[in-house]
Amino acid sequence: MKKIVGSQKPLIIMRKYWTAYLITLLLLVSCQKKSEKVYVAILDSEFNDSKTFLTENLSQVKSAIEDKVSDYPYLKSSYDSLNVTNDRIDYALLHLEDLKKDKSVLISLKSDLETNSKLSFIF
């Protein structure tokens, strides 16, 4: 094995940086040659992973809140009203086109949110 002299260490370190730099450049060039479909597929995959992660976490949070509500019965009515509001928000998000025509649902949802937001501070 060859002994490394003190003056050669900076050259070795510099060679490693240049190698990493060249590999990065090669990766960038190879990515530019890929079609947009590849990027869309990667973004869709990331989005689906994020959506799955959030759904799992939200279900865990919901079950934790339900456990607390079962420990404190006086929170049950507030929790139920928040669930109803949450269901109405989900409905509104799914039926946006219908709601553009009929604003009364949005107005009642807004008043419910204003009323129930005071209750949500309990949690």
N, C-alpha and C. Protein backbone atom coordinates (compact mmCIF):
# COMPACT_ATOMS: atom_id res chain seq x y z
N MET A 1 0.84 -1.17 0.00
CA MET A 1 0.00 0.00 0.00
C MET A 1 0.89 1.24 0.00
N LYS A 2 0.45 2.21 -0.74
CA LYS A 2 1.20 3.44 -0.90
C LYS A 2 0.97 4.36 0.29
N LYS A 3 2.03 4.95 0.79
CA LYS A 3 1.91 5.86 1.91
C LYS A 3 1.54 7.24 1.37
N ILE A 4 0.58 7.87 2.03
CA ILE A 4 0.12 9.19 1.60
C ILE A 4 0.94 10.24 2.31
N VAL A 5 1.57 11.05 1.53
CA VAL A 5 2.38 12.14 2.06
C VAL A 5 1.44 13.30 2.37
N GLY A 6 1.80 14.10 3.37
CA GLY A 6 0.95 15.22 3.81
C GLY A 6 0.54 16.16 2.70
N SER A 7 1.40 16.39 1.73
CA SER A 7 1.06 17.31 0.64
C SER A 7 0.08 16.70 -0.35
N GLN A 8 -0.13 15.38 -0.31
CA GLN A 8 -1.05 14.72 -1.24
C GLN A 8 -2.49 14.71 -0.71
N LYS A 9 -2.67 14.91 0.59
CA LYS A 9 -4.02 14.86 1.17
C LYS A 9 -4.97 15.87 0.54
N PRO A 10 -4.57 17.13 0.35
CA PRO A 10 -5.50 18.06 -0.30
C PRO A 10 -5.88 17.62 -1.71
N LEU A 11 -4.96 16.99 -2.42
CA LEU A 11 -5.27 16.52 -3.77
C LEU A 11 -6.29 15.40 -3.74
N ILE A 12 -6.16 14.51 -2.77
CA ILE A 12 -7.11 13.40 -2.65
C ILE A 12 -8.49 13.93 -2.28
N ILE A 13 -8.53 14.87 -1.34
CA ILE A 13 -9.81 15.46 -0.95
C ILE A 13 -10.44 16.18 -2.13
N MET A 14 -9.62 16.93 -2.88
CA MET A 14 -10.13 17.66 -4.04
C MET A 14 -10.64 16.70 -5.11
N ARG A 15 -9.98 15.58 -5.29
CA ARG A 15 -10.41 14.58 -6.26
C ARG A 15 -11.77 14.01 -5.86
N LYS A 16 -11.98 13.79 -4.55
CA LYS A 16 -13.28 13.28 -4.09
C LYS A 16 -14.39 14.28 -4.37
N TYR A 17 -14.12 15.57 -4.12
CA TYR A 17 -15.12 16.59 -4.39
C TYR A 17 -15.44 16.68 -5.88
N TRP A 18 -14.41 16.60 -6.72
CA TRP A 18 -14.64 16.65 -8.16
C TRP A 18 -15.43 15.43 -8.63
N THR A 19 -15.15 14.29 -8.04
CA THR A 19 -15.91 13.09 -8.40
C THR A 19 -17.37 13.26 -8.03
N ALA A 20 -17.65 13.75 -6.83
CA ALA A 20 -19.03 13.98 -6.40
C ALA A 20 -19.69 15.03 -7.30
N TYR A 21 -18.95 16.05 -7.65
CA TYR A 21 -19.48 17.11 -8.52
C TYR A 21 -19.84 16.55 -9.89
N LEU A 22 -18.97 15.73 -10.45
CA LEU A 22 -19.23 15.15 -11.77
C LEU A 22 -20.42 14.19 -11.74
N ILE A 23 -20.53 13.41 -10.67
CA ILE A 23 -21.68 12.50 -10.54
C ILE A 23 -22.96 13.30 -10.46
N THR A 24 -22.95 14.40 -9.71
CA THR A 24 -24.14 15.26 -9.62
C THR A 24 -24.50 15.83 -10.98
N LEU A 25 -23.50 16.29 -11.72
CA LEU A 25 -23.77 16.80 -13.07
C LEU A 25 -24.35 15.73 -13.98
N LEU A 26 -23.81 14.53 -13.90
CA LEU A 26 -24.34 13.43 -14.72
C LEU A 26 -25.78 13.12 -14.37
N LEU A 27 -26.10 13.14 -13.08
CA LEU A 27 -27.48 12.90 -12.67
C LEU A 27 -28.41 13.99 -13.20
N LEU A 28 -27.97 15.23 -13.11
CA LEU A 28 -28.80 16.32 -13.61
C LEU A 28 -29.04 16.21 -15.11
N VAL A 29 -28.00 15.88 -15.86
CA VAL A 29 -28.14 15.73 -17.31
C VAL A 29 -29.05 14.56 -17.64
N SER A 30 -28.91 13.46 -16.92
CA SER A 30 -29.76 12.30 -17.21
C SER A 30 -31.21 12.57 -16.86
N CYS A 31 -31.45 13.37 -15.81
CA CYS A 31 -32.83 13.70 -15.44
C CYS A 31 -33.47 14.61 -16.48
N GLN A 32 -32.69 15.46 -17.11
CA GLN A 32 -33.25 16.37 -18.10
C GLN A 32 -33.70 15.64 -19.35
N LYS A 33 -33.15 14.49 -19.61
CA LYS A 33 -33.51 13.74 -20.81
C LYS A 33 -34.80 12.94 -20.61
N LYS A 34 -35.24 12.81 -19.37
CA LYS A 34 -36.46 12.04 -19.12
C LYS A 34 -37.68 12.86 -19.52
N SER A 35 -38.72 12.16 -19.90
CA SER A 35 -39.93 12.85 -20.33
C SER A 35 -40.68 13.39 -19.11
N GLU A 36 -41.64 14.25 -19.39
CA GLU A 36 -42.43 14.84 -18.31
C GLU A 36 -43.25 13.79 -17.58
N LYS A 37 -43.58 12.71 -18.26
CA LYS A 37 -44.38 11.65 -17.63
C LYS A 37 -43.65 11.06 -16.43
N VAL A 38 -42.34 10.99 -16.51
CA VAL A 38 -41.57 10.45 -15.39
C VAL A 38 -41.71 11.37 -14.18
N TYR A 39 -41.59 12.68 -14.42
CA TYR A 39 -41.72 13.63 -13.32
C TYR A 39 -43.13 13.59 -12.73
N VAL A 40 -44.13 13.49 -13.59
CA VAL A 40 -45.51 13.42 -13.11
C VAL A 40 -45.71 12.15 -12.28
N ALA A 41 -45.15 11.04 -12.73
CA ALA A 41 -45.27 9.79 -11.97
C ALA A 41 -44.59 9.91 -10.61
N ILE A 42 -43.43 10.55 -10.58
CA ILE A 42 -42.73 10.73 -9.30
C ILE A 42 -43.56 11.61 -8.37
N LEU A 43 -44.10 12.71 -8.89
CA LEU A 43 -44.91 13.60 -8.07
C LEU A 43 -46.18 12.91 -7.58
N ASP A 44 -46.82 12.13 -8.46
CA ASP A 44 -48.02 11.39 -8.05
C ASP A 44 -47.69 10.40 -6.94
N SER A 45 -46.57 9.74 -7.07
CA SER A 45 -46.15 8.79 -6.04
C SER A 45 -45.92 9.49 -4.71
N GLU A 46 -45.23 10.63 -4.76
CA GLU A 46 -44.98 11.40 -3.53
C GLU A 46 -46.29 11.88 -2.92
N PHE A 47 -47.22 12.35 -3.77
CA PHE A 47 -48.50 12.82 -3.29
C PHE A 47 -49.29 11.70 -2.63
N ASN A 48 -49.32 10.53 -3.27
CA ASN A 48 -50.04 9.39 -2.70
C ASN A 48 -49.43 8.95 -1.38
N ASP A 49 -48.10 8.94 -1.30
CA ASP A 49 -47.44 8.60 -0.04
C ASP A 49 -47.80 9.60 1.05
N SER A 50 -47.80 10.88 0.71
CA SER A 50 -48.14 11.91 1.68
C SER A 50 -49.59 11.78 2.13
N LYS A 51 -50.47 11.50 1.16
CA LYS A 51 -51.89 11.36 1.49
C LYS A 51 -52.11 10.17 2.42
N THR A 52 -51.45 9.07 2.14
CA THR A 52 -51.56 7.88 2.99
C THR A 52 -51.04 8.18 4.39
N PHE A 53 -49.89 8.84 4.47
CA PHE A 53 -49.30 9.19 5.76
C PHE A 53 -50.24 10.08 6.56
N LEU A 54 -50.81 11.11 5.91
CA LEU A 54 -51.71 12.01 6.61
C LEU A 54 -52.98 11.30 7.05
N THR A 55 -53.51 10.44 6.20
CA THR A 55 -54.73 9.71 6.55
C THR A 55 -54.50 8.82 7.76
N GLU A 56 -53.37 8.13 7.78
CA GLU A 56 -53.06 7.28 8.93
C GLU A 56 -52.89 8.10 10.20
N ASN A 57 -52.19 9.23 10.10
CA ASN A 57 -52.00 10.07 11.28
C ASN A 57 -53.30 10.67 11.76
N LEU A 58 -54.15 11.10 10.83
CA LEU A 58 -55.43 11.68 11.23
C LEU A 58 -56.30 10.64 11.92
N SER A 59 -56.28 9.41 11.44
CA SER A 59 -57.09 8.38 12.09
C SER A 59 -56.55 8.07 13.48
N GLN A 60 -55.23 8.14 13.66
CA GLN A 60 -54.66 7.94 15.00
C GLN A 60 -55.04 9.07 15.94
N VAL A 61 -55.01 10.30 15.43
CA VAL A 61 -55.40 11.45 16.25
C VAL A 61 -56.88 11.35 16.61
N LYS A 62 -57.69 10.95 15.64
CA LYS A 62 -59.13 10.82 15.91
C LYS A 62 -59.39 9.77 16.98
N SER A 63 -58.71 8.63 16.90
CA SER A 63 -58.92 7.60 17.92
C SER A 63 -58.42 8.07 19.29
N ALA A 64 -57.34 8.85 19.32
CA ALA A 64 -56.86 9.38 20.60
C ALA A 64 -57.87 10.35 21.20
N ILE A 65 -58.46 11.20 20.36
CA ILE A 65 -59.48 12.13 20.85
C ILE A 65 -60.70 11.37 21.33
N GLU A 66 -61.10 10.33 20.60
CA GLU A 66 -62.25 9.53 21.02
C GLU A 66 -62.00 8.87 22.38
N ASP A 67 -60.78 8.43 22.61
CA ASP A 67 -60.44 7.86 23.92
C ASP A 67 -60.59 8.91 25.02
N LYS A 68 -60.12 10.12 24.77
CA LYS A 68 -60.24 11.19 25.76
C LYS A 68 -61.69 11.55 26.00
N VAL A 69 -62.48 11.58 24.93
CA VAL A 69 -63.89 11.91 25.07
C VAL A 69 -64.59 10.85 25.91
N SER A 70 -64.20 9.60 25.74
CA SER A 70 -64.83 8.56 26.56
C SER A 70 -64.45 8.71 28.03
N ASP A 71 -63.27 9.28 28.31
CA ASP A 71 -62.87 9.53 29.70
C ASP A 71 -63.61 10.71 30.31
N TYR A 72 -63.98 11.68 29.48
CA TYR A 72 -64.65 12.90 29.97
C TYR A 72 -65.98 13.06 29.25
N PRO A 73 -67.06 12.54 29.81
CA PRO A 73 -68.35 12.53 29.12
C PRO A 73 -68.89 13.93 28.78
N TYR A 74 -68.50 14.95 29.53
CA TYR A 74 -69.02 16.28 29.24
C TYR A 74 -68.47 16.84 27.92
N LEU A 75 -67.44 16.21 27.36
CA LEU A 75 -66.91 16.64 26.07
C LEU A 75 -67.66 16.02 24.89
N LYS A 76 -68.53 15.05 25.18
CA LYS A 76 -69.18 14.29 24.11
C LYS A 76 -69.99 15.18 23.17
N SER A 77 -70.77 16.11 23.70
CA SER A 77 -71.61 16.94 22.83
C SER A 77 -70.75 17.84 21.94
N SER A 78 -69.67 18.38 22.49
CA SER A 78 -68.78 19.21 21.67
C SER A 78 -68.12 18.38 20.58
N TYR A 79 -67.71 17.19 20.94
CA TYR A 79 -67.06 16.31 19.96
C TYR A 79 -68.03 15.93 18.85
N ASP A 80 -69.26 15.62 19.22
CA ASP A 80 -70.26 15.26 18.21
C ASP A 80 -70.54 16.42 17.26
N SER A 81 -70.64 17.64 17.81
CA SER A 81 -70.92 18.79 16.94
C SER A 81 -69.74 19.06 16.01
N LEU A 82 -68.53 18.84 16.49
CA LEU A 82 -67.36 18.99 15.61
C LEU A 82 -67.34 17.93 14.53
N ASN A 83 -67.76 16.72 14.86
CA ASN A 83 -67.83 15.66 13.85
C ASN A 83 -68.84 15.99 12.77
N VAL A 84 -69.99 16.53 13.17
CA VAL A 84 -71.01 16.91 12.20
C VAL A 84 -70.47 18.00 11.28
N THR A 85 -69.80 18.98 11.87
CA THR A 85 -69.22 20.05 11.06
C THR A 85 -68.16 19.51 10.11
N ASN A 86 -67.35 18.60 10.60
CA ASN A 86 -66.32 17.99 9.76
C ASN A 86 -66.95 17.23 8.59
N ASP A 87 -68.02 16.51 8.86
CA ASP A 87 -68.71 15.79 7.78
C ASP A 87 -69.28 16.76 6.75
N ARG A 88 -69.79 17.89 7.22
CA ARG A 88 -70.34 18.88 6.29
C ARG A 88 -69.24 19.52 5.45
N ILE A 89 -68.07 19.73 6.04
CA ILE A 89 -66.93 20.27 5.28
C ILE A 89 -66.51 19.26 4.22
N ASP A 90 -66.44 17.98 4.60
CA ASP A 90 -66.09 16.95 3.62
C ASP A 90 -67.09 16.93 2.46
N TYR A 91 -68.37 17.04 2.80
CA TYR A 91 -69.41 17.08 1.77
C TYR A 91 -69.21 18.29 0.85
N ALA A 92 -68.91 19.43 1.45
CA ALA A 92 -68.72 20.65 0.66
C ALA A 92 -67.53 20.51 -0.28
N LEU A 93 -66.47 19.88 0.19
CA LEU A 93 -65.29 19.70 -0.67
C LEU A 93 -65.58 18.76 -1.83
N LEU A 94 -66.42 17.77 -1.59
CA LEU A 94 -66.74 16.82 -2.66
C LEU A 94 -67.73 17.38 -3.68
N HIS A 95 -68.55 18.34 -3.26
CA HIS A 95 -69.61 18.85 -4.13
C HIS A 95 -69.45 20.35 -4.40
N LEU A 96 -68.28 20.77 -4.74
CA LEU A 96 -68.02 22.19 -4.95
C LEU A 96 -68.85 22.77 -6.09
N GLU A 97 -69.02 22.02 -7.16
CA GLU A 97 -69.78 22.53 -8.31
C GLU A 97 -71.24 22.79 -7.94
N ASP A 98 -71.84 21.89 -7.17
CA ASP A 98 -73.22 22.08 -6.75
C ASP A 98 -73.35 23.27 -5.80
N LEU A 99 -72.34 23.46 -4.95
CA LEU A 99 -72.40 24.54 -3.97
C LEU A 99 -72.22 25.91 -4.61
N LYS A 100 -71.59 25.95 -5.78
CA LYS A 100 -71.46 27.24 -6.47
C LYS A 100 -72.83 27.76 -6.89
N LYS A 101 -73.75 26.84 -7.17
CA LYS A 101 -75.09 27.23 -7.59
C LYS A 101 -75.97 27.57 -6.39
N ASP A 102 -75.80 26.84 -5.29
CA ASP A 102 -76.65 27.03 -4.11
C ASP A 102 -75.78 27.49 -2.94
N LYS A 103 -75.82 28.78 -2.65
CA LYS A 103 -74.96 29.36 -1.61
C LYS A 103 -75.51 29.14 -0.20
N SER A 104 -76.75 28.71 -0.06
CA SER A 104 -77.35 28.57 1.27
C SER A 104 -76.62 27.52 2.11
N VAL A 105 -76.14 26.47 1.48
CA VAL A 105 -75.40 25.44 2.21
C VAL A 105 -74.11 26.02 2.77
N LEU A 106 -73.43 26.83 1.96
CA LEU A 106 -72.19 27.45 2.43
C LEU A 106 -72.44 28.44 3.56
N ILE A 107 -73.53 29.18 3.48
CA ILE A 107 -73.84 30.15 4.53
C ILE A 107 -74.13 29.44 5.85
N SER A 108 -74.91 28.35 5.79
CA SER A 108 -75.19 27.61 7.03
C SER A 108 -73.93 26.93 7.57
N LEU A 109 -73.08 26.46 6.67
CA LEU A 109 -71.81 25.86 7.10
C LEU A 109 -70.93 26.90 7.78
N LYS A 110 -70.92 28.11 7.24
CA LYS A 110 -70.12 29.18 7.84
C LYS A 110 -70.62 29.50 9.24
N SER A 111 -71.93 29.60 9.42
CA SER A 111 -72.45 29.91 10.75
C SER A 111 -72.18 28.77 11.73
N ASP A 112 -72.27 27.52 11.25
CA ASP A 112 -71.93 26.38 12.11
C ASP A 112 -70.47 26.41 12.52
N LEU A 113 -69.61 26.76 11.58
CA LEU A 113 -68.18 26.83 11.89
C LEU A 113 -67.90 27.91 12.93
N GLU A 114 -68.56 29.04 12.78
CA GLU A 114 -68.35 30.12 13.75
C GLU A 114 -68.82 29.71 15.14
N THR A 115 -69.93 28.98 15.19
CA THR A 115 -70.45 28.52 16.48
C THR A 115 -69.56 27.43 17.07
N ASN A 116 -69.19 26.46 16.24
CA ASN A 116 -68.44 25.31 16.74
C ASN A 116 -66.96 25.60 16.95
N SER A 117 -66.46 26.67 16.35
CA SER A 117 -65.04 26.97 16.57
C SER A 117 -64.78 27.32 18.02
N LYS A 118 -65.78 27.88 18.68
CA LYS A 118 -65.62 28.17 20.12
C LYS A 118 -65.52 26.87 20.91
N LEU A 119 -66.23 25.84 20.45
CA LEU A 119 -66.18 24.56 21.15
C LEU A 119 -64.88 23.82 20.88
N SER A 120 -64.26 24.08 19.74
CA SER A 120 -63.06 23.33 19.39
C SER A 120 -61.87 23.67 20.28
N PHE A 121 -61.93 24.81 20.96
CA PHE A 121 -60.82 25.16 21.84
C PHE A 121 -60.74 24.25 23.05
N ILE A 122 -61.79 23.49 23.31
CA ILE A 122 -61.76 22.52 24.41
C ILE A 122 -60.70 21.48 24.16
N PHE A 123 -60.53 21.10 22.90
CA PHE A 123 -59.55 20.08 22.55
C PHE A 123 -58.18 20.70 22.44
